[in-house]
Amino acid sequence: DSAGNVSKQTELGTIAQLQGMFGHVNHVDEFNLRVRGQEKPLGRVKLYKRFFLFSQFFCSPVPVILCEGKTDNTYLLHAIRSRASHFPSLATTSATGQIKLLIRIFKYVERKAGRTIGMSGGDGEVSKFIGTYLTEVLRHFKAPGVSQHPVILVVDHDSGGKGPYETASKKVGKPFDMLKPFEHVYANLYLVPTPLPPSATSSCIEDCFQPATLAKTL
Protein backbone atom coordinates (compact mmCIF):
# COMPACT_ATOMS: atom_id res chain seq x y z
CA ASP A 1 0.00 0.00 0.00
CA SER A 2 1.04 3.67 0.15
CA ALA A 3 2.94 3.02 3.39
CA GLY A 4 4.95 0.20 1.86
CA ASN A 5 3.17 -2.60 3.72
CA VAL A 6 2.72 -5.88 1.88
CA SER A 7 -0.44 -7.91 2.33
CA LYS A 8 -1.55 -11.11 0.66
CA GLN A 9 -4.78 -11.33 -1.24
CA THR A 10 -6.27 -14.69 -2.12
CA GLU A 11 -9.06 -15.70 -4.46
CA LEU A 12 -10.58 -18.95 -5.56
CA GLY A 13 -8.93 -20.56 -8.56
CA THR A 14 -10.87 -21.58 -11.65
CA ILE A 15 -11.29 -24.86 -13.49
CA ALA A 16 -9.55 -23.27 -16.49
CA GLN A 17 -6.49 -22.37 -14.38
CA LEU A 18 -6.27 -25.89 -13.01
CA GLN A 19 -6.69 -27.28 -16.51
CA GLY A 20 -3.76 -25.13 -17.61
CA MET A 21 -1.55 -26.46 -14.79
CA PHE A 22 -2.44 -30.07 -15.52
CA GLY A 23 -2.00 -29.52 -19.24
CA HIS A 24 1.48 -28.06 -18.74
CA VAL A 25 2.61 -30.93 -16.51
CA ASN A 26 1.18 -33.44 -18.98
CA HIS A 27 3.00 -31.71 -21.85
CA VAL A 28 6.31 -31.93 -19.96
CA ASP A 29 5.71 -35.62 -19.25
CA GLU A 30 5.04 -36.29 -22.93
CA PHE A 31 8.18 -34.38 -23.91
CA ASN A 32 10.32 -36.44 -21.53
CA LEU A 33 8.72 -39.59 -22.86
CA ARG A 34 9.70 -38.72 -26.42
CA VAL A 35 13.19 -37.42 -25.71
CA ARG A 36 14.41 -39.68 -22.91
CA GLY A 37 12.16 -42.67 -23.23
CA GLN A 38 10.76 -42.07 -19.77
CA GLU A 39 7.30 -43.24 -18.82
CA LYS A 40 4.69 -40.88 -17.45
CA PRO A 41 4.35 -41.09 -13.66
CA LEU A 42 1.30 -43.33 -13.16
CA GLY A 43 -0.11 -41.23 -10.32
CA ARG A 44 -0.14 -38.07 -12.44
CA VAL A 45 -1.76 -39.90 -15.35
CA LYS A 46 -4.60 -41.13 -13.13
CA LEU A 47 -5.05 -37.73 -11.49
CA TYR A 48 -5.18 -35.85 -14.80
CA LYS A 49 -7.66 -38.39 -16.19
CA ARG A 50 -9.87 -37.99 -13.13
CA PHE A 51 -9.71 -34.20 -13.34
CA PHE A 52 -10.56 -34.32 -17.05
CA LEU A 53 -13.64 -36.48 -16.44
CA PHE A 54 -14.73 -34.16 -13.64
CA SER A 55 -14.26 -30.88 -15.51
CA GLN A 56 -15.38 -31.95 -18.98
CA PHE A 57 -18.31 -34.19 -18.04
CA PHE A 58 -19.35 -34.17 -14.38
CA CYS A 59 -19.42 -30.38 -14.08
CA SER A 60 -19.49 -29.39 -17.74
CA PRO A 61 -20.94 -25.88 -18.29
CA VAL A 62 -23.10 -27.23 -21.16
CA PRO A 63 -24.71 -30.58 -22.06
CA VAL A 64 -22.30 -33.05 -23.66
CA ILE A 65 -23.08 -35.55 -26.43
CA LEU A 66 -20.78 -38.51 -27.01
CA CYS A 67 -21.29 -40.83 -29.99
CA GLU A 68 -19.83 -44.15 -31.10
CA GLY A 69 -18.06 -42.89 -34.24
CA LYS A 70 -16.74 -39.63 -35.61
CA THR A 71 -19.16 -39.65 -38.58
CA ASP A 72 -22.02 -39.60 -36.04
CA ASN A 73 -20.56 -36.36 -34.70
CA THR A 74 -20.73 -34.83 -38.17
CA TYR A 75 -24.34 -35.91 -38.68
CA LEU A 76 -25.48 -34.45 -35.37
CA LEU A 77 -23.49 -31.24 -35.75
CA HIS A 78 -25.03 -30.35 -39.11
CA ALA A 79 -28.48 -31.59 -38.13
CA ILE A 80 -28.45 -29.19 -35.18
CA ARG A 81 -27.11 -26.35 -37.30
CA SER A 82 -29.72 -26.85 -40.02
CA ARG A 83 -32.58 -26.99 -37.49
CA ALA A 84 -31.29 -24.39 -35.05
CA SER A 85 -34.40 -22.21 -35.29
CA HIS A 86 -36.61 -25.20 -34.38
CA PHE A 87 -34.56 -26.27 -31.36
CA PRO A 88 -33.43 -23.13 -29.48
CA SER A 89 -32.23 -25.20 -26.52
CA LEU A 90 -29.59 -26.80 -28.78
CA ALA A 91 -28.39 -23.75 -30.72
CA THR A 92 -29.05 -20.06 -31.22
CA THR A 93 -28.95 -17.99 -34.39
CA SER A 94 -27.84 -14.34 -34.29
CA ALA A 95 -29.33 -11.52 -36.32
CA THR A 96 -26.48 -11.95 -38.81
CA GLY A 97 -27.12 -15.67 -39.19
CA GLN A 98 -24.27 -16.91 -37.00
CA ILE A 99 -25.13 -20.21 -35.30
CA LYS A 100 -23.86 -20.94 -31.79
CA LEU A 101 -24.21 -24.43 -30.35
CA LEU A 102 -25.47 -24.60 -26.77
CA ILE A 103 -24.22 -28.16 -26.40
CA ARG A 104 -20.81 -29.77 -26.90
CA ILE A 105 -20.21 -32.78 -29.11
CA PHE A 106 -17.25 -34.56 -27.54
CA LYS A 107 -14.67 -35.56 -30.16
CA TYR A 108 -12.20 -38.20 -29.08
CA VAL A 109 -11.14 -40.15 -32.17
CA GLU A 110 -7.45 -39.42 -32.94
CA ARG A 111 -7.48 -36.57 -30.43
CA LYS A 112 -5.58 -35.81 -27.25
CA ALA A 113 -8.84 -35.65 -25.30
CA GLY A 114 -9.54 -39.25 -26.24
CA ARG A 115 -6.06 -40.41 -25.28
CA THR A 116 -6.40 -38.69 -21.90
CA ILE A 117 -9.37 -40.85 -20.93
CA GLY A 118 -8.23 -43.96 -22.80
CA MET A 119 -10.55 -43.83 -25.83
CA SER A 120 -9.01 -44.51 -29.23
CA GLY A 121 -12.07 -44.82 -31.46
CA GLY A 122 -12.29 -48.59 -31.78
CA ASP A 123 -15.17 -50.92 -30.99
CA GLY A 124 -16.69 -50.76 -27.53
CA GLU A 125 -15.56 -47.22 -26.76
CA VAL A 126 -18.91 -46.10 -25.34
CA SER A 127 -18.97 -49.11 -23.01
CA LYS A 128 -15.43 -48.28 -21.95
CA PHE A 129 -16.42 -44.69 -21.22
CA ILE A 130 -19.39 -45.80 -19.11
CA GLY A 131 -17.19 -48.07 -17.02
CA THR A 132 -14.50 -45.42 -16.54
CA TYR A 133 -16.89 -42.53 -15.84
CA LEU A 134 -19.17 -44.36 -13.42
CA THR A 135 -16.19 -45.70 -11.49
CA GLU A 136 -15.05 -42.13 -10.84
CA VAL A 137 -18.56 -40.81 -10.12
CA LEU A 138 -19.43 -43.61 -7.71
CA ARG A 139 -16.11 -43.61 -5.85
CA HIS A 140 -14.58 -40.15 -6.03
CA PHE A 141 -16.84 -37.32 -7.23
CA LYS A 142 -18.59 -35.82 -4.20
CA ALA A 143 -18.61 -32.13 -5.14
CA PRO A 144 -21.75 -30.26 -4.01
CA GLY A 145 -23.67 -27.86 -6.22
CA VAL A 146 -22.54 -29.34 -9.50
CA SER A 147 -24.62 -28.07 -12.43
CA GLN A 148 -25.41 -31.61 -13.59
CA HIS A 149 -25.76 -30.81 -17.28
CA PRO A 150 -26.45 -34.14 -18.97
CA VAL A 151 -23.84 -36.34 -20.59
CA ILE A 152 -25.75 -38.05 -23.41
CA LEU A 153 -24.39 -41.23 -24.99
CA VAL A 154 -25.91 -41.87 -28.42
CA VAL A 155 -25.74 -45.50 -29.61
CA ASP A 156 -27.14 -47.50 -32.50
CA HIS A 157 -30.20 -49.59 -31.72
CA ASP A 158 -28.60 -52.91 -32.70
CA SER A 159 -26.49 -55.71 -31.25
CA GLY A 160 -23.50 -53.38 -30.92
CA GLY A 161 -25.57 -50.85 -28.98
CA LYS A 162 -26.52 -53.45 -26.39
CA GLY A 163 -22.97 -53.39 -25.00
CA PRO A 164 -23.28 -49.95 -23.38
CA TYR A 165 -26.64 -50.91 -21.87
CA GLU A 166 -25.20 -54.09 -20.38
CA THR A 167 -22.16 -52.24 -19.01
CA ALA A 168 -24.35 -49.56 -17.43
CA SER A 169 -26.63 -52.20 -15.92
CA LYS A 170 -23.72 -54.02 -14.29
CA LYS A 171 -22.22 -50.81 -12.88
CA VAL A 172 -25.36 -49.49 -11.21
CA GLY A 173 -27.18 -52.76 -10.58
CA LYS A 174 -30.44 -52.22 -12.45
CA PRO A 175 -31.75 -53.12 -15.94
CA PHE A 176 -32.03 -50.66 -18.81
CA ASP A 177 -34.33 -50.96 -21.82
CA MET A 178 -33.28 -50.00 -25.37
CA LEU A 179 -36.93 -49.71 -26.39
CA LYS A 180 -37.30 -46.57 -24.27
CA PRO A 181 -36.45 -43.21 -25.89
CA PHE A 182 -33.72 -42.72 -23.28
CA GLU A 183 -32.48 -44.13 -19.98
CA HIS A 184 -31.09 -42.19 -17.03
CA VAL A 185 -28.14 -44.29 -15.91
CA TYR A 186 -26.73 -42.44 -12.89
CA ALA A 187 -25.87 -38.86 -11.86
CA ASN A 188 -25.88 -36.89 -15.13
CA LEU A 189 -25.29 -39.84 -17.49
CA TYR A 190 -27.95 -40.83 -20.06
CA LEU A 191 -28.22 -43.46 -22.81
CA VAL A 192 -30.11 -42.63 -26.02
CA PRO A 193 -30.60 -45.24 -28.78
CA THR A 194 -31.27 -44.32 -32.38
CA PRO A 195 -35.03 -44.38 -33.11
CA LEU A 196 -36.56 -47.47 -34.71
CA PRO A 197 -38.16 -47.06 -38.15
CA PRO A 198 -41.71 -48.43 -38.45
CA SER A 199 -41.84 -52.23 -37.96
CA ALA A 200 -38.03 -52.41 -37.61
CA THR A 201 -36.23 -54.21 -34.79
CA SER A 202 -32.89 -52.45 -35.18
CA SER A 203 -31.55 -49.14 -36.45
CA CYS A 204 -28.43 -47.04 -36.87
CA ILE A 205 -27.99 -43.30 -37.13
CA GLU A 206 -27.89 -43.46 -40.95
CA ASP A 207 -31.52 -44.61 -40.91
CA CYS A 208 -32.43 -41.01 -40.07
CA PHE A 209 -31.50 -40.00 -43.63
CA GLN A 210 -33.94 -40.03 -46.51
CA PRO A 211 -33.40 -42.83 -49.11
CA ALA A 212 -32.41 -40.25 -51.73
CA THR A 213 -29.58 -39.05 -49.51
CA LEU A 214 -28.33 -42.56 -48.85
CA ALA A 215 -28.40 -43.33 -52.55
CA LYS A 216 -25.90 -40.57 -53.37
CA THR A 217 -22.39 -41.66 -54.31
CA LEU A 218 -19.63 -39.57 -52.77
C-alpha atoms as a PDB file:
ATOM      1  CA  ASP A   1       0.000   0.000   0.000  1.00  0.00           C
ATOM      2  CA  SER A   2       1.036   3.667   0.155  1.00  0.00           C
ATOM      3  CA  ALA A   3       2.940   3.019   3.390  1.00  0.00           C
ATOM      4  CA  GLY A   4       4.949   0.197   1.862  1.00  0.00           C
ATOM      5  CA  ASN A   5       3.170  -2.596   3.724  1.00  0.00           C
ATOM      6  CA  VAL A   6       2.716  -5.879   1.875  1.00  0.00           C
ATOM      7  CA  SER A   7      -0.437  -7.911   2.326  1.00  0.00           C
ATOM      8  CA  LYS A   8      -1.550 -11.109   0.656  1.00  0.00           C
ATOM      9  CA  GLN A   9      -4.779 -11.330  -1.244  1.00  0.00           C
ATOM     10  CA  THR A  10      -6.271 -14.694  -2.119  1.00  0.00           C
ATOM     11  CA  GLU A  11      -9.062 -15.697  -4.465  1.00  0.00           C
ATOM     12  CA  LEU A  12     -10.579 -18.953  -5.558  1.00  0.00           C
ATOM     13  CA  GLY A  13      -8.929 -20.559  -8.557  1.00  0.00           C
ATOM     14  CA  THR A  14     -10.874 -21.578 -11.646  1.00  0.00           C
ATOM     15  CA  ILE A  15     -11.287 -24.857 -13.489  1.00  0.00           C
ATOM     16  CA  ALA A  16      -9.551 -23.271 -16.487  1.00  0.00           C
ATOM     17  CA  GLN A  17      -6.487 -22.370 -14.380  1.00  0.00           C
ATOM     18  CA  LEU A  18      -6.266 -25.890 -13.006  1.00  0.00           C
ATOM     19  CA  GLN A  19      -6.689 -27.281 -16.510  1.00  0.00           C
ATOM     20  CA  GLY A  20      -3.755 -25.131 -17.612  1.00  0.00           C
ATOM     21  CA  MET A  21      -1.552 -26.455 -14.791  1.00  0.00           C
ATOM     22  CA  PHE A  22      -2.439 -30.067 -15.520  1.00  0.00           C
ATOM     23  CA  GLY A  23      -1.996 -29.517 -19.242  1.00  0.00           C
ATOM     24  CA  HIS A  24       1.475 -28.058 -18.741  1.00  0.00           C
ATOM     25  CA  VAL A  25       2.610 -30.933 -16.514  1.00  0.00           C
ATOM     26  CA  ASN A  26       1.177 -33.441 -18.984  1.00  0.00           C
ATOM     27  CA  HIS A  27       3.004 -31.705 -21.847  1.00  0.00           C
ATOM     28  CA  VAL A  28       6.310 -31.930 -19.956  1.00  0.00           C
ATOM     29  CA  ASP A  29       5.705 -35.618 -19.249  1.00  0.00           C
ATOM     30  CA  GLU A  30       5.036 -36.289 -22.928  1.00  0.00           C
ATOM     31  CA  PHE A  31       8.183 -34.378 -23.910  1.00  0.00           C
ATOM     32  CA  ASN A  32      10.321 -36.441 -21.531  1.00  0.00           C
ATOM     33  CA  LEU A  33       8.718 -39.594 -22.856  1.00  0.00           C
ATOM     34  CA  ARG A  34       9.697 -38.718 -26.418  1.00  0.00           C
ATOM     35  CA  VAL A  35      13.190 -37.418 -25.706  1.00  0.00           C
ATOM     36  CA  ARG A  36      14.408 -39.677 -22.905  1.00  0.00           C
ATOM     37  CA  GLY A  37      12.156 -42.665 -23.235  1.00  0.00           C
ATOM     38  CA  GLN A  38      10.757 -42.069 -19.767  1.00  0.00           C
ATOM     39  CA  GLU A  39       7.295 -43.242 -18.825  1.00  0.00           C
ATOM     40  CA  LYS A  40       4.686 -40.879 -17.451  1.00  0.00           C
ATOM     41  CA  PRO A  41       4.349 -41.095 -13.657  1.00  0.00           C
ATOM     42  CA  LEU A  42       1.304 -43.330 -13.157  1.00  0.00           C
ATOM     43  CA  GLY A  43      -0.107 -41.231 -10.325  1.00  0.00           C
ATOM     44  CA  ARG A  44      -0.136 -38.074 -12.444  1.00  0.00           C
ATOM     45  CA  VAL A  45      -1.756 -39.902 -15.349  1.00  0.00           C
ATOM     46  CA  LYS A  46      -4.600 -41.126 -13.131  1.00  0.00           C
ATOM     47  CA  LEU A  47      -5.049 -37.733 -11.490  1.00  0.00           C
ATOM     48  CA  TYR A  48      -5.184 -35.853 -14.799  1.00  0.00           C
ATOM     49  CA  LYS A  49      -7.659 -38.389 -16.192  1.00  0.00           C
ATOM     50  CA  ARG A  50      -9.870 -37.992 -13.128  1.00  0.00           C
ATOM     51  CA  PHE A  51      -9.711 -34.201 -13.345  1.00  0.00           C
ATOM     52  CA  PHE A  52     -10.555 -34.317 -17.051  1.00  0.00           C
ATOM     53  CA  LEU A  53     -13.645 -36.476 -16.442  1.00  0.00           C
ATOM     54  CA  PHE A  54     -14.728 -34.161 -13.636  1.00  0.00           C
ATOM     55  CA  SER A  55     -14.258 -30.885 -15.509  1.00  0.00           C
ATOM     56  CA  GLN A  56     -15.376 -31.954 -18.981  1.00  0.00           C
ATOM     57  CA  PHE A  57     -18.307 -34.189 -18.041  1.00  0.00           C
ATOM     58  CA  PHE A  58     -19.352 -34.170 -14.377  1.00  0.00           C
ATOM     59  CA  CYS A  59     -19.422 -30.378 -14.075  1.00  0.00           C
ATOM     60  CA  SER A  60     -19.494 -29.388 -17.740  1.00  0.00           C
ATOM     61  CA  PRO A  61     -20.942 -25.884 -18.293  1.00  0.00           C
ATOM     62  CA  VAL A  62     -23.096 -27.234 -21.156  1.00  0.00           C
ATOM     63  CA  PRO A  63     -24.707 -30.576 -22.058  1.00  0.00           C
ATOM     64  CA  VAL A  64     -22.295 -33.046 -23.663  1.00  0.00           C
ATOM     65  CA  ILE A  65     -23.078 -35.549 -26.431  1.00  0.00           C
ATOM     66  CA  LEU A  66     -20.782 -38.514 -27.014  1.00  0.00           C
ATOM     67  CA  CYS A  67     -21.286 -40.831 -29.994  1.00  0.00           C
ATOM     68  CA  GLU A  68     -19.830 -44.150 -31.104  1.00  0.00           C
ATOM     69  CA  GLY A  69     -18.063 -42.894 -34.237  1.00  0.00           C
ATOM     70  CA  LYS A  70     -16.736 -39.628 -35.609  1.00  0.00           C
ATOM     71  CA  THR A  71     -19.162 -39.651 -38.578  1.00  0.00           C
ATOM     72  CA  ASP A  72     -22.016 -39.599 -36.039  1.00  0.00           C
ATOM     73  CA  ASN A  73     -20.562 -36.361 -34.701  1.00  0.00           C
ATOM     74  CA  THR A  74     -20.727 -34.830 -38.166  1.00  0.00           C
ATOM     75  CA  TYR A  75     -24.336 -35.915 -38.684  1.00  0.00           C
ATOM     76  CA  LEU A  76     -25.482 -34.446 -35.371  1.00  0.00           C
ATOM     77  CA  LEU A  77     -23.492 -31.236 -35.752  1.00  0.00           C
ATOM     78  CA  HIS A  78     -25.032 -30.347 -39.105  1.00  0.00           C
ATOM     79  CA  ALA A  79     -28.484 -31.587 -38.128  1.00  0.00           C
ATOM     80  CA  ILE A  80     -28.452 -29.194 -35.182  1.00  0.00           C
ATOM     81  CA  ARG A  81     -27.107 -26.349 -37.298  1.00  0.00           C
ATOM     82  CA  SER A  82     -29.719 -26.853 -40.021  1.00  0.00           C
ATOM     83  CA  ARG A  83     -32.577 -26.990 -37.487  1.00  0.00           C
ATOM     84  CA  ALA A  84     -31.289 -24.390 -35.048  1.00  0.00           C
ATOM     85  CA  SER A  85     -34.405 -22.212 -35.292  1.00  0.00           C
ATOM     86  CA  HIS A  86     -36.609 -25.198 -34.385  1.00  0.00           C
ATOM     87  CA  PHE A  87     -34.559 -26.271 -31.358  1.00  0.00           C
ATOM     88  CA  PRO A  88     -33.434 -23.132 -29.480  1.00  0.00           C
ATOM     89  CA  SER A  89     -32.232 -25.198 -26.523  1.00  0.00           C
ATOM     90  CA  LEU A  90     -29.586 -26.797 -28.782  1.00  0.00           C
ATOM     91  CA  ALA A  91     -28.392 -23.749 -30.723  1.00  0.00           C
ATOM     92  CA  THR A  92     -29.050 -20.061 -31.223  1.00  0.00           C
ATOM     93  CA  THR A  93     -28.945 -17.989 -34.389  1.00  0.00           C
ATOM     94  CA  SER A  94     -27.843 -14.344 -34.286  1.00  0.00           C
ATOM     95  CA  ALA A  95     -29.334 -11.521 -36.319  1.00  0.00           C
ATOM     96  CA  THR A  96     -26.482 -11.949 -38.811  1.00  0.00           C
ATOM     97  CA  GLY A  97     -27.121 -15.668 -39.186  1.00  0.00           C
ATOM     98  CA  GLN A  98     -24.268 -16.908 -37.003  1.00  0.00           C
ATOM     99  CA  ILE A  99     -25.128 -20.205 -35.302  1.00  0.00           C
ATOM    100  CA  LYS A 100     -23.858 -20.943 -31.791  1.00  0.00           C
ATOM    101  CA  LEU A 101     -24.210 -24.426 -30.352  1.00  0.00           C
ATOM    102  CA  LEU A 102     -25.474 -24.597 -26.767  1.00  0.00           C
ATOM    103  CA  ILE A 103     -24.219 -28.164 -26.404  1.00  0.00           C
ATOM    104  CA  ARG A 104     -20.805 -29.770 -26.901  1.00  0.00           C
ATOM    105  CA  ILE A 105     -20.211 -32.782 -29.112  1.00  0.00           C
ATOM    106  CA  PHE A 106     -17.247 -34.560 -27.544  1.00  0.00           C
ATOM    107  CA  LYS A 107     -14.674 -35.560 -30.160  1.00  0.00           C
ATOM    108  CA  TYR A 108     -12.205 -38.203 -29.075  1.00  0.00           C
ATOM    109  CA  VAL A 109     -11.137 -40.154 -32.172  1.00  0.00           C
ATOM    110  CA  GLU A 110      -7.453 -39.419 -32.938  1.00  0.00           C
ATOM    111  CA  ARG A 111      -7.480 -36.571 -30.429  1.00  0.00           C
ATOM    112  CA  LYS A 112      -5.577 -35.809 -27.250  1.00  0.00           C
ATOM    113  CA  ALA A 113      -8.837 -35.645 -25.299  1.00  0.00           C
ATOM    114  CA  GLY A 114      -9.535 -39.246 -26.241  1.00  0.00           C
ATOM    115  CA  ARG A 115      -6.061 -40.409 -25.283  1.00  0.00           C
ATOM    116  CA  THR A 116      -6.404 -38.690 -21.905  1.00  0.00           C
ATOM    117  CA  ILE A 117      -9.369 -40.852 -20.932  1.00  0.00           C
ATOM    118  CA  GLY A 118      -8.235 -43.964 -22.804  1.00  0.00           C
ATOM    119  CA  MET A 119     -10.554 -43.828 -25.830  1.00  0.00           C
ATOM    120  CA  SER A 120      -9.012 -44.510 -29.231  1.00  0.00           C
ATOM    121  CA  GLY A 121     -12.071 -44.818 -31.458  1.00  0.00           C
ATOM    122  CA  GLY A 122     -12.289 -48.592 -31.777  1.00  0.00           C
ATOM    123  CA  ASP A 123     -15.167 -50.924 -30.992  1.00  0.00           C
ATOM    124  CA  GLY A 124     -16.694 -50.763 -27.526  1.00  0.00           C
ATOM    125  CA  GLU A 125     -15.563 -47.220 -26.763  1.00  0.00           C
ATOM    126  CA  VAL A 126     -18.908 -46.100 -25.345  1.00  0.00           C
ATOM    127  CA  SER A 127     -18.973 -49.107 -23.007  1.00  0.00           C
ATOM    128  CA  LYS A 128     -15.432 -48.276 -21.954  1.00  0.00           C
ATOM    129  CA  PHE A 129     -16.422 -44.687 -21.220  1.00  0.00           C
ATOM    130  CA  ILE A 130     -19.390 -45.803 -19.114  1.00  0.00           C
ATOM    131  CA  GLY A 131     -17.187 -48.072 -17.016  1.00  0.00           C
ATOM    132  CA  THR A 132     -14.503 -45.415 -16.538  1.00  0.00           C
ATOM    133  CA  TYR A 133     -16.888 -42.531 -15.839  1.00  0.00           C
ATOM    134  CA  LEU A 134     -19.168 -44.363 -13.421  1.00  0.00           C
ATOM    135  CA  THR A 135     -16.188 -45.696 -11.490  1.00  0.00           C
ATOM    136  CA  GLU A 136     -15.049 -42.132 -10.839  1.00  0.00           C
ATOM    137  CA  VAL A 137     -18.557 -40.808 -10.118  1.00  0.00           C
ATOM    138  CA  LEU A 138     -19.426 -43.610  -7.710  1.00  0.00           C
ATOM    139  CA  ARG A 139     -16.107 -43.615  -5.851  1.00  0.00           C
ATOM    140  CA  HIS A 140     -14.580 -40.150  -6.035  1.00  0.00           C
ATOM    141  CA  PHE A 141     -16.841 -37.319  -7.225  1.00  0.00           C
ATOM    142  CA  LYS A 142     -18.592 -35.823  -4.201  1.00  0.00           C
ATOM    143  CA  ALA A 143     -18.606 -32.131  -5.136  1.00  0.00           C
ATOM    144  CA  PRO A 144     -21.751 -30.260  -4.012  1.00  0.00           C
ATOM    145  CA  GLY A 145     -23.670 -27.862  -6.217  1.00  0.00           C
ATOM    146  CA  VAL A 146     -22.541 -29.339  -9.500  1.00  0.00           C
ATOM    147  CA  SER A 147     -24.617 -28.068 -12.432  1.00  0.00           C
ATOM    148  CA  GLN A 148     -25.414 -31.613 -13.587  1.00  0.00           C
ATOM    149  CA  HIS A 149     -25.759 -30.813 -17.276  1.00  0.00           C
ATOM    150  CA  PRO A 150     -26.454 -34.140 -18.966  1.00  0.00           C
ATOM    151  CA  VAL A 151     -23.843 -36.339 -20.592  1.00  0.00           C
ATOM    152  CA  ILE A 152     -25.752 -38.051 -23.413  1.00  0.00           C
ATOM    153  CA  LEU A 153     -24.391 -41.230 -24.988  1.00  0.00           C
ATOM    154  CA  VAL A 154     -25.911 -41.874 -28.424  1.00  0.00           C
ATOM    155  CA  VAL A 155     -25.742 -45.501 -29.608  1.00  0.00           C
ATOM    156  CA  ASP A 156     -27.135 -47.499 -32.503  1.00  0.00           C
ATOM    157  CA  HIS A 157     -30.202 -49.588 -31.716  1.00  0.00           C
ATOM    158  CA  ASP A 158     -28.598 -52.906 -32.696  1.00  0.00           C
ATOM    159  CA  SER A 159     -26.488 -55.708 -31.253  1.00  0.00           C
ATOM    160  CA  GLY A 160     -23.502 -53.375 -30.915  1.00  0.00           C
ATOM    161  CA  GLY A 161     -25.569 -50.854 -28.985  1.00  0.00           C
ATOM    162  CA  LYS A 162     -26.524 -53.453 -26.394  1.00  0.00           C
ATOM    163  CA  GLY A 163     -22.974 -53.393 -25.000  1.00  0.00           C
ATOM    164  CA  PRO A 164     -23.275 -49.952 -23.377  1.00  0.00           C
ATOM    165  CA  TYR A 165     -26.640 -50.908 -21.869  1.00  0.00           C
ATOM    166  CA  GLU A 166     -25.202 -54.092 -20.384  1.00  0.00           C
ATOM    167  CA  THR A 167     -22.160 -52.239 -19.012  1.00  0.00           C
ATOM    168  CA  ALA A 168     -24.350 -49.561 -17.432  1.00  0.00           C
ATOM    169  CA  SER A 169     -26.634 -52.200 -15.924  1.00  0.00           C
ATOM    170  CA  LYS A 170     -23.721 -54.024 -14.293  1.00  0.00           C
ATOM    171  CA  LYS A 171     -22.218 -50.813 -12.877  1.00  0.00           C
ATOM    172  CA  VAL A 172     -25.364 -49.485 -11.214  1.00  0.00           C
ATOM    173  CA  GLY A 173     -27.176 -52.760 -10.583  1.00  0.00           C
ATOM    174  CA  LYS A 174     -30.441 -52.219 -12.452  1.00  0.00           C
ATOM    175  CA  PRO A 175     -31.753 -53.116 -15.941  1.00  0.00           C
ATOM    176  CA  PHE A 176     -32.032 -50.657 -18.812  1.00  0.00           C
ATOM    177  CA  ASP A 177     -34.335 -50.961 -21.824  1.00  0.00           C
ATOM    178  CA  MET A 178     -33.281 -50.000 -25.368  1.00  0.00           C
ATOM    179  CA  LEU A 179     -36.933 -49.710 -26.385  1.00  0.00           C
ATOM    180  CA  LYS A 180     -37.296 -46.569 -24.266  1.00  0.00           C
ATOM    181  CA  PRO A 181     -36.451 -43.212 -25.893  1.00  0.00           C
ATOM    182  CA  PHE A 182     -33.717 -42.718 -23.280  1.00  0.00           C
ATOM    183  CA  GLU A 183     -32.478 -44.127 -19.984  1.00  0.00           C
ATOM    184  CA  HIS A 184     -31.093 -42.187 -17.034  1.00  0.00           C
ATOM    185  CA  VAL A 185     -28.135 -44.286 -15.907  1.00  0.00           C
ATOM    186  CA  TYR A 186     -26.734 -42.438 -12.886  1.00  0.00           C
ATOM    187  CA  ALA A 187     -25.865 -38.860 -11.863  1.00  0.00           C
ATOM    188  CA  ASN A 188     -25.875 -36.890 -15.131  1.00  0.00           C
ATOM    189  CA  LEU A 189     -25.295 -39.839 -17.485  1.00  0.00           C
ATOM    190  CA  TYR A 190     -27.953 -40.829 -20.061  1.00  0.00           C
ATOM    191  CA  LEU A 191     -28.216 -43.456 -22.806  1.00  0.00           C
ATOM    192  CA  VAL A 192     -30.115 -42.627 -26.015  1.00  0.00           C
ATOM    193  CA  PRO A 193     -30.604 -45.240 -28.780  1.00  0.00           C
ATOM    194  CA  THR A 194     -31.267 -44.316 -32.381  1.00  0.00           C
ATOM    195  CA  PRO A 195     -35.033 -44.381 -33.114  1.00  0.00           C
ATOM    196  CA  LEU A 196     -36.556 -47.466 -34.707  1.00  0.00           C
ATOM    197  CA  PRO A 197     -38.158 -47.064 -38.149  1.00  0.00           C
ATOM    198  CA  PRO A 198     -41.707 -48.433 -38.447  1.00  0.00           C
ATOM    199  CA  SER A 199     -41.839 -52.230 -37.958  1.00  0.00           C
ATOM    200  CA  ALA A 200     -38.034 -52.411 -37.608  1.00  0.00           C
ATOM    201  CA  THR A 201     -36.226 -54.211 -34.788  1.00  0.00           C
ATOM    202  CA  SER A 202     -32.886 -52.449 -35.183  1.00  0.00           C
ATOM    203  CA  SER A 203     -31.546 -49.138 -36.451  1.00  0.00           C
ATOM    204  CA  CYS A 204     -28.433 -47.036 -36.870  1.00  0.00           C
ATOM    205  CA  ILE A 205     -27.988 -43.295 -37.129  1.00  0.00           C
ATOM    206  CA  GLU A 206     -27.891 -43.458 -40.953  1.00  0.00           C
ATOM    207  CA  ASP A 207     -31.518 -44.610 -40.908  1.00  0.00           C
ATOM    208  CA  CYS A 208     -32.431 -41.006 -40.074  1.00  0.00           C
ATOM    209  CA  PHE A 209     -31.497 -40.003 -43.634  1.00  0.00           C
ATOM    210  CA  GLN A 210     -33.941 -40.028 -46.514  1.00  0.00           C
ATOM    211  CA  PRO A 211     -33.403 -42.828 -49.110  1.00  0.00           C
ATOM    212  CA  ALA A 212     -32.408 -40.248 -51.728  1.00  0.00           C
ATOM    213  CA  THR A 213     -29.576 -39.047 -49.509  1.00  0.00           C
ATOM    214  CA  LEU A 214     -28.328 -42.561 -48.848  1.00  0.00           C
ATOM    215  CA  ALA A 215     -28.399 -43.332 -52.554  1.00  0.00           C
ATOM    216  CA  LYS A 216     -25.898 -40.571 -53.370  1.00  0.00           C
ATOM    217  CA  THR A 217     -22.386 -41.664 -54.307  1.00  0.00           C
ATOM    218  CA  LEU A 218     -19.631 -39.570 -52.773  1.00  0.00           C
END
